[in-house]
Amino acid sequence: MSDIIGKTTVTEKGQITIPIEIRQKEGIKPNDELFVVDADGAIVITRPQKGKLVQLFRQASGLITHEDIRKLRRENEASLAKKMKK
């Protein structure tokens, strides 16, 4: 389970501030692109990763399923494992 590192409040404009501890730890800088994902009621903010997952997020515009994510993750892990064996 993930640890709660900080607390933030949603402004009237719907904006939040990512706590400094997380920004520093993850190297998040102004104008960095982040994805906001609804994962069965949990709000997940994640960095874009190069490859198929980013393309799917951009194309799906909120229509991605958890099974799509699992499938892409398995494909990515298999691809990485294959590259590491070389």
Protein backbone atom coordinates (compact mmCIF):
# COMPACT_ATOMS: atom_id res chain seq x y z
CA MET A 1 0.00 0.00 0.00
CA SER A 2 1.20 3.51 -0.77
CA ASP A 3 2.08 5.95 1.98
CA ILE A 4 0.31 9.30 2.25
CA ILE A 5 3.06 11.86 1.78
CA GLY A 6 1.10 15.10 1.83
CA LYS A 7 -2.28 16.75 1.72
CA THR A 8 -3.76 19.13 -0.83
CA THR A 9 -7.01 21.04 -1.29
CA VAL A 10 -8.99 21.55 -4.48
CA THR A 11 -9.42 25.24 -5.35
CA GLU A 12 -12.61 26.79 -6.72
CA LYS A 13 -11.10 26.38 -10.20
CA GLY A 14 -10.57 22.65 -9.60
CA GLN A 15 -6.81 22.99 -9.25
CA ILE A 16 -4.56 21.19 -6.78
CA THR A 17 -0.96 21.64 -5.69
CA ILE A 18 1.25 18.57 -5.65
CA PRO A 19 3.08 18.58 -2.31
CA ILE A 20 6.72 19.65 -2.56
CA GLU A 21 7.96 16.36 -1.10
CA ILE A 22 6.44 14.48 -4.03
CA ARG A 23 7.58 17.04 -6.63
CA GLN A 24 11.15 16.84 -5.34
CA LYS A 25 11.16 13.05 -5.00
CA GLU A 26 9.73 12.52 -8.51
CA GLY A 27 11.55 15.43 -10.16
CA ILE A 28 8.34 17.12 -11.27
CA LYS A 29 9.05 20.55 -12.76
CA PRO A 30 6.75 23.37 -13.96
CA ASN A 31 5.07 22.54 -17.29
CA ASP A 32 5.71 18.78 -16.94
CA GLU A 33 2.88 16.73 -18.44
CA LEU A 34 1.04 14.38 -16.06
CA PHE A 35 -1.92 12.06 -16.59
CA VAL A 36 -4.88 12.00 -14.21
CA VAL A 37 -6.58 8.60 -14.22
CA ASP A 38 -9.77 7.39 -12.53
CA ALA A 39 -8.81 3.92 -11.32
CA ASP A 40 -12.07 2.56 -9.88
CA GLY A 41 -12.62 5.62 -7.72
CA ALA A 42 -8.95 6.20 -6.86
CA ILE A 43 -7.49 9.28 -8.51
CA VAL A 44 -4.05 8.47 -9.87
CA ILE A 45 -1.64 11.09 -11.15
CA THR A 46 1.14 9.59 -13.21
CA ARG A 47 3.93 10.63 -15.53
CA PRO A 48 3.59 9.70 -19.19
CA GLN A 49 5.75 6.75 -20.16
CA LYS A 50 7.11 6.32 -23.63
CA GLY A 51 5.42 3.66 -25.69
CA LYS A 52 2.02 2.14 -26.21
CA LEU A 53 0.51 3.14 -22.88
CA VAL A 54 0.92 6.86 -23.59
CA GLN A 55 -0.59 6.45 -27.05
CA LEU A 56 -3.54 4.59 -25.60
CA PHE A 57 -4.16 7.23 -22.91
CA ARG A 58 -4.11 9.99 -25.48
CA GLN A 59 -6.33 8.15 -27.95
CA ALA A 60 -8.80 6.80 -25.42
CA SER A 61 -9.68 10.16 -23.83
CA GLY A 62 -11.01 8.45 -20.75
CA LEU A 63 -12.28 5.29 -22.45
CA ILE A 64 -9.43 3.02 -21.34
CA THR A 65 -10.28 -0.05 -19.29
CA HIS A 66 -8.25 -1.64 -16.53
CA GLU A 67 -7.86 -4.74 -18.68
CA ASP A 68 -6.33 -2.56 -21.43
CA ILE A 69 -3.81 -1.25 -18.90
CA ARG A 70 -3.02 -4.75 -17.61
CA LYS A 71 -2.54 -6.06 -21.16
CA LEU A 72 -0.21 -3.21 -22.10
CA ARG A 73 1.74 -3.62 -18.86
CA ARG A 74 2.20 -7.35 -19.54
CA GLU A 75 3.34 -6.60 -23.11
CA ASN A 76 5.76 -3.95 -21.85
CA GLU A 77 7.19 -6.24 -19.16
CA ALA A 78 7.63 -9.06 -21.71
CA SER A 79 9.37 -6.68 -24.10
CA LEU A 80 11.71 -5.43 -21.37
CA ALA A 81 12.50 -8.98 -20.23
CA LYS A 82 13.32 -9.95 -23.81
CA LYS A 83 15.64 -6.94 -24.20
CA MET A 84 17.41 -7.73 -20.90
CA LYS A 85 18.17 -11.29 -22.05
CA LYS A 86 20.06 -9.98 -25.09
